[in-house]
PDB file of N, CA and C in Angstrom:
ATOM      1  N   MET A   1     174.410 -84.888 -37.245  1.00  0.00           N
ATOM      2  CA  MET A   1     175.012 -83.865 -36.168  1.00  0.00           C
ATOM      3  C   MET A   1     174.000 -83.568 -34.933  1.00  0.00           C
ATOM      4  N   ALA A   2     174.760 -83.090 -33.939  1.00  0.00           N
ATOM      5  CA  ALA A   2     174.141 -82.606 -32.808  1.00  0.00           C
ATOM      6  C   ALA A   2     173.757 -81.300 -33.007  1.00  0.00           C
ATOM      7  N   GLN A   3     172.447 -80.759 -32.288  1.00  0.00           N
ATOM      8  CA  GLN A   3     171.857 -79.444 -32.384  1.00  0.00           C
ATOM      9  C   GLN A   3     171.772 -79.285 -30.774  1.00  0.00           C
ATOM     10  N   LEU A   4     171.452 -77.549 -30.914  1.00  0.00           N
ATOM     11  CA  LEU A   4     171.133 -76.828 -29.428  1.00  0.00           C
ATOM     12  C   LEU A   4     169.997 -76.369 -29.637  1.00  0.00           C
ATOM     13  N   LYS A   5     169.519 -76.687 -28.378  1.00  0.00           N
ATOM     14  CA  LYS A   5     168.114 -76.095 -28.147  1.00  0.00           C
ATOM     15  C   LYS A   5     168.246 -74.560 -27.223  1.00  0.00           C
ATOM     16  N   VAL A   6     168.010 -73.527 -27.911  1.00  0.00           N
ATOM     17  CA  VAL A   6     168.448 -72.215 -27.290  1.00  0.00           C
ATOM     18  C   VAL A   6     167.217 -71.518 -26.738  1.00  0.00           C
ATOM     19  N   GLN A   7     167.272 -71.341 -25.567  1.00  0.00           N
ATOM     20  CA  GLN A   7     165.621 -70.744 -24.609  1.00  0.00           C
ATOM     21  C   GLN A   7     166.051 -69.279 -24.323  1.00  0.00           C
ATOM     22  N   GLN A   8     165.446 -68.247 -24.872  1.00  0.00           N
ATOM     23  CA  GLN A   8     165.831 -66.959 -23.939  1.00  0.00           C
ATOM     24  C   GLN A   8     165.014 -66.746 -22.621  1.00  0.00           C
ATOM     25  N   LYS A   9     165.842 -66.518 -21.716  1.00  0.00           N
ATOM     26  CA  LYS A   9     165.171 -66.721 -20.351  1.00  0.00           C
ATOM     27  C   LYS A   9     165.107 -65.381 -19.824  1.00  0.00           C
ATOM     28  N   ARG A  10     166.121 -64.033 -19.975  1.00  0.00           N
ATOM     29  CA  ARG A  10     165.774 -62.924 -19.274  1.00  0.00           C
ATOM     30  C   ARG A  10     165.699 -61.945 -20.480  1.00  0.00           C
ATOM     31  N   SER A  11     165.214 -60.690 -20.078  1.00  0.00           N
ATOM     32  CA  SER A  11     164.959 -59.516 -20.862  1.00  0.00           C
ATOM     33  C   SER A  11     166.126 -58.739 -21.512  1.00  0.00           C
ATOM     34  N   THR A  12     166.285 -58.375 -22.466  1.00  0.00           N
ATOM     35  CA  THR A  12     167.474 -57.515 -23.040  1.00  0.00           C
ATOM     36  C   THR A  12     167.539 -56.041 -22.832  1.00  0.00           C
ATOM     37  N   ILE A  13     166.610 -55.731 -21.704  1.00  0.00           N
ATOM     38  CA  ILE A  13     166.654 -54.425 -21.303  1.00  0.00           C
ATOM     39  C   ILE A  13     167.710 -54.126 -20.349  1.00  0.00           C
ATOM     40  N   GLY A  14     168.874 -52.979 -20.756  1.00  0.00           N
ATOM     41  CA  GLY A  14     169.850 -53.119 -19.912  1.00  0.00           C
ATOM     42  C   GLY A  14     171.153 -53.753 -20.557  1.00  0.00           C
ATOM     43  N   CYS A  15     170.864 -54.157 -21.471  1.00  0.00           N
ATOM     44  CA  CYS A  15     172.267 -55.059 -21.967  1.00  0.00           C
ATOM     45  C   CYS A  15     172.664 -54.382 -23.262  1.00  0.00           C
ATOM     46  N   LYS A  16     173.959 -54.721 -23.470  1.00  0.00           N
ATOM     47  CA  LYS A  16     174.479 -54.226 -24.565  1.00  0.00           C
ATOM     48  C   LYS A  16     173.990 -54.162 -25.880  1.00  0.00           C
ATOM     49  N   ALA A  17     174.204 -53.275 -26.793  1.00  0.00           N
ATOM     50  CA  ALA A  17     173.367 -53.449 -28.198  1.00  0.00           C
ATOM     51  C   ALA A  17     173.994 -54.675 -28.815  1.00  0.00           C
ATOM     52  N   ASN A  18     175.585 -55.049 -28.508  1.00  0.00           N
ATOM     53  CA  ASN A  18     175.689 -56.363 -29.309  1.00  0.00           C
ATOM     54  C   ASN A  18     175.268 -57.539 -28.592  1.00  0.00           C
ATOM     55  N   GLN A  19     174.835 -57.717 -27.616  1.00  0.00           N
ATOM     56  CA  GLN A  19     173.927 -58.586 -27.031  1.00  0.00           C
ATOM     57  C   GLN A  19     172.736 -58.757 -27.568  1.00  0.00           C
ATOM     58  N   ARG A  20     171.888 -57.650 -27.787  1.00  0.00           N
ATOM     59  CA  ARG A  20     170.746 -57.621 -28.163  1.00  0.00           C
ATOM     60  C   ARG A  20     170.734 -57.907 -29.657  1.00  0.00           C
ATOM     61  N   GLU A  21     171.805 -57.705 -30.270  1.00  0.00           N
ATOM     62  CA  GLU A  21     172.073 -58.281 -32.132  1.00  0.00           C
ATOM     63  C   GLU A  21     172.387 -59.641 -31.924  1.00  0.00           C
ATOM     64  N   THR A  22     172.919 -60.034 -31.027  1.00  0.00           N
ATOM     65  CA  THR A  22     173.349 -61.467 -31.164  1.00  0.00           C
ATOM     66  C   THR A  22     172.038 -62.296 -30.959  1.00  0.00           C
ATOM     67  N   LEU A  23     170.890 -62.013 -29.846  1.00  0.00           N
ATOM     68  CA  LEU A  23     169.793 -62.552 -29.488  1.00  0.00           C
ATOM     69  C   LEU A  23     169.122 -62.662 -30.955  1.00  0.00           C
ATOM     70  N   ARG A  24     168.684 -61.538 -31.414  1.00  0.00           N
ATOM     71  CA  ARG A  24     168.312 -61.184 -32.807  1.00  0.00           C
ATOM     72  C   ARG A  24     168.767 -62.312 -33.873  1.00  0.00           C
ATOM     73  N   THR A  25     169.803 -62.260 -34.053  1.00  0.00           N
ATOM     74  CA  THR A  25     170.656 -62.990 -35.025  1.00  0.00           C
ATOM     75  C   THR A  25     170.621 -64.783 -34.754  1.00  0.00           C
ATOM     76  N   LEU A  26     170.502 -65.184 -33.373  1.00  0.00           N
ATOM     77  CA  LEU A  26     169.925 -66.172 -33.219  1.00  0.00           C
ATOM     78  C   LEU A  26     168.757 -66.932 -33.475  1.00  0.00           C
ATOM     79  N   GLY A  27     167.828 -65.769 -33.546  1.00  0.00           N
ATOM     80  CA  GLY A  27     166.010 -65.729 -33.754  1.00  0.00           C
ATOM     81  C   GLY A  27     165.664 -65.640 -32.680  1.00  0.00           C
ATOM     82  N   LEU A  28     166.064 -65.005 -31.482  1.00  0.00           N
ATOM     83  CA  LEU A  28     164.922 -64.940 -30.299  1.00  0.00           C
ATOM     84  C   LEU A  28     164.866 -63.330 -30.350  1.00  0.00           C
ATOM     85  N   LYS A  29     163.328 -63.521 -30.054  1.00  0.00           N
ATOM     86  CA  LYS A  29     162.911 -61.974 -30.032  1.00  0.00           C
ATOM     87  C   LYS A  29     162.320 -61.457 -28.254  1.00  0.00           C
ATOM     88  N   ARG A  30     161.852 -62.482 -27.944  1.00  0.00           N
ATOM     89  CA  ARG A  30     161.236 -62.106 -26.610  1.00  0.00           C
ATOM     90  C   ARG A  30     161.584 -63.368 -25.333  1.00  0.00           C
ATOM     91  N   ILE A  31     161.272 -63.170 -24.243  1.00  0.00           N
ATOM     92  CA  ILE A  31     161.125 -64.346 -23.440  1.00  0.00           C
ATOM     93  C   ILE A  31     160.661 -65.363 -23.615  1.00  0.00           C
ATOM     94  N   GLY A  32     160.765 -66.475 -23.497  1.00  0.00           N
ATOM     95  CA  GLY A  32     160.315 -67.824 -23.761  1.00  0.00           C
ATOM     96  C   GLY A  32     160.541 -68.386 -25.177  1.00  0.00           C
ATOM     97  N   ASP A  33     161.182 -67.377 -25.929  1.00  0.00           N
ATOM     98  CA  ASP A  33     161.535 -67.851 -27.638  1.00  0.00           C
ATOM     99  C   ASP A  33     162.556 -69.089 -27.484  1.00  0.00           C
ATOM    100  N   VAL A  34     162.079 -70.284 -28.224  1.00  0.00           N
ATOM    101  CA  VAL A  34     162.763 -71.328 -28.430  1.00  0.00           C
ATOM    102  C   VAL A  34     163.239 -71.498 -29.676  1.00  0.00           C
ATOM    103  N   VAL A  35     164.637 -71.949 -29.777  1.00  0.00           N
ATOM    104  CA  VAL A  35     164.975 -72.120 -31.484  1.00  0.00           C
ATOM    105  C   VAL A  35     165.864 -73.104 -31.279  1.00  0.00           C
ATOM    106  N   VAL A  36     165.912 -73.901 -32.269  1.00  0.00           N
ATOM    107  CA  VAL A  36     166.989 -75.091 -32.424  1.00  0.00           C
ATOM    108  C   VAL A  36     167.850 -74.888 -33.615  1.00  0.00           C
ATOM    109  N   LYS A  37     169.047 -75.001 -33.149  1.00  0.00           N
ATOM    110  CA  LYS A  37     170.278 -74.574 -34.115  1.00  0.00           C
ATOM    111  C   LYS A  37     171.277 -75.610 -34.104  1.00  0.00           C
ATOM    112  N   GLU A  38     171.870 -76.075 -35.356  1.00  0.00           N
ATOM    113  CA  GLU A  38     173.072 -76.815 -35.478  1.00  0.00           C
ATOM    114  C   GLU A  38     174.290 -76.368 -34.276  1.00  0.00           C
ATOM    115  N   ASP A  39     174.897 -77.764 -34.030  1.00  0.00           N
ATOM    116  CA  ASP A  39     176.139 -77.294 -33.169  1.00  0.00           C
ATOM    117  C   ASP A  39     177.158 -76.940 -34.143  1.00  0.00           C
ATOM    118  N   ARG A  40     177.350 -75.962 -33.873  1.00  0.00           N
ATOM    119  CA  ARG A  40     178.812 -75.177 -34.939  1.00  0.00           C
ATOM    120  C   ARG A  40     179.387 -74.494 -34.063  1.00  0.00           C
ATOM    121  N   PRO A  41     180.531 -74.045 -34.130  1.00  0.00           N
ATOM    122  CA  PRO A  41     181.520 -72.797 -33.650  1.00  0.00           C
ATOM    123  C   PRO A  41     181.340 -71.527 -33.281  1.00  0.00           C
ATOM    124  N   GLU A  42     180.168 -71.317 -34.381  1.00  0.00           N
ATOM    125  CA  GLU A  42     179.768 -69.915 -34.828  1.00  0.00           C
ATOM    126  C   GLU A  42     178.506 -69.818 -33.980  1.00  0.00           C
ATOM    127  N   ILE A  43     177.564 -70.681 -33.789  1.00  0.00           N
ATOM    128  CA  ILE A  43     176.343 -70.774 -32.859  1.00  0.00           C
ATOM    129  C   ILE A  43     176.950 -70.907 -31.144  1.00  0.00           C
ATOM    130  N   ARG A  44     178.067 -71.669 -30.751  1.00  0.00           N
ATOM    131  CA  ARG A  44     178.213 -71.453 -29.911  1.00  0.00           C
ATOM    132  C   ARG A  44     179.242 -70.527 -29.255  1.00  0.00           C
ATOM    133  N   GLY A  45     179.900 -69.754 -30.365  1.00  0.00           N
ATOM    134  CA  GLY A  45     180.346 -68.575 -29.438  1.00  0.00           C
ATOM    135  C   GLY A  45     179.008 -67.526 -29.347  1.00  0.00           C
ATOM    136  N   MET A  46     178.057 -67.335 -30.168  1.00  0.00           N
ATOM    137  CA  MET A  46     177.174 -66.388 -30.002  1.00  0.00           C
ATOM    138  C   MET A  46     176.152 -67.007 -28.790  1.00  0.00           C
ATOM    139  N   VAL A  47     176.110 -68.157 -28.445  1.00  0.00           N
ATOM    140  CA  VAL A  47     175.575 -68.483 -27.182  1.00  0.00           C
ATOM    141  C   VAL A  47     176.426 -68.199 -26.100  1.00  0.00           C
ATOM    142  N   HIS A  48     177.809 -68.043 -25.995  1.00  0.00           N
ATOM    143  CA  HIS A  48     178.760 -67.569 -25.131  1.00  0.00           C
ATOM    144  C   HIS A  48     178.467 -66.109 -25.224  1.00  0.00           C
ATOM    145  N   THR A  49     178.104 -65.442 -25.833  1.00  0.00           N
ATOM    146  CA  THR A  49     178.112 -64.079 -25.869  1.00  0.00           C
ATOM    147  C   THR A  49     177.032 -63.828 -24.843  1.00  0.00           C
ATOM    148  N   VAL A  50     175.780 -64.480 -25.078  1.00  0.00           N
ATOM    149  CA  VAL A  50     174.465 -64.276 -24.031  1.00  0.00           C
ATOM    150  C   VAL A  50     174.186 -65.024 -23.091  1.00  0.00           C
ATOM    151  N   ARG A  51     175.341 -65.777 -22.636  1.00  0.00           N
ATOM    152  CA  ARG A  51     174.752 -67.006 -21.653  1.00  0.00           C
ATOM    153  C   ARG A  51     174.550 -66.383 -20.510  1.00  0.00           C
ATOM    154  N   HIS A  52     174.044 -65.613 -20.175  1.00  0.00           N
ATOM    155  CA  HIS A  52     173.474 -64.821 -19.028  1.00  0.00           C
ATOM    156  C   HIS A  52     171.739 -64.729 -19.194  1.00  0.00           C
ATOM    157  N   LEU A  53     171.507 -64.651 -20.624  1.00  0.00           N
ATOM    158  CA  LEU A  53     170.201 -64.008 -21.070  1.00  0.00           C
ATOM    159  C   LEU A  53     169.193 -65.563 -21.448  1.00  0.00           C
ATOM    160  N   VAL A  54     169.952 -66.784 -21.622  1.00  0.00           N
ATOM    161  CA  VAL A  54     169.627 -67.796 -22.216  1.00  0.00           C
ATOM    162  C   VAL A  54     170.104 -69.314 -21.582  1.00  0.00           C
ATOM    163  N   THR A  55     169.059 -70.086 -21.823  1.00  0.00           N
ATOM    164  CA  THR A  55     169.535 -71.517 -21.350  1.00  0.00           C
ATOM    165  C   THR A  55     169.730 -72.577 -22.782  1.00  0.00           C
ATOM    166  N   VAL A  56     170.706 -73.492 -22.533  1.00  0.00           N
ATOM    167  CA  VAL A  56     170.774 -74.169 -23.650  1.00  0.00           C
ATOM    168  C   VAL A  56     170.737 -75.599 -23.468  1.00  0.00           C
ATOM    169  N   GLU A  57     170.600 -76.273 -24.227  1.00  0.00           N
ATOM    170  CA  GLU A  57     170.345 -77.854 -24.113  1.00  0.00           C
ATOM    171  C   GLU A  57     170.680 -78.462 -25.157  1.00  0.00           C
ATOM    172  N   GLU A  58     171.956 -79.745 -25.334  1.00  0.00           N
ATOM    173  CA  GLU A  58     172.002 -80.674 -26.667  1.00  0.00           C
ATOM    174  C   GLU A  58     170.599 -81.466 -26.674  1.00  0.00           C
ATOM    175  N   VAL A  59     170.523 -81.478 -28.270  1.00  0.00           N
ATOM    176  CA  VAL A  59     169.281 -82.309 -28.705  1.00  0.00           C
ATOM    177  C   VAL A  59     169.939 -83.288 -29.867  1.00  0.00           C
ATOM    178  N   ASP A  60     169.376 -84.492 -29.823  1.00  0.00           N
ATOM    179  CA  ASP A  60     169.954 -85.153 -31.062  1.00  0.00           C
ATOM    180  C   ASP A  60     168.893 -85.254 -31.867  1.00  0.00           C
TER     181      ASP A  60
END
């Protein structure tokens, strides 16, 4: 199954609370953090919520 590499690029200062919580749920705490998650609809939805704060790549 494919995986997604998610990297936080921007700060959560000034963001809505649900966006901060979504980043924490993904496992991102600070700018530059990288996590690899399975490509599932739940993860895609979380990434969509914070798409302006992160970059996403597909990893095999």
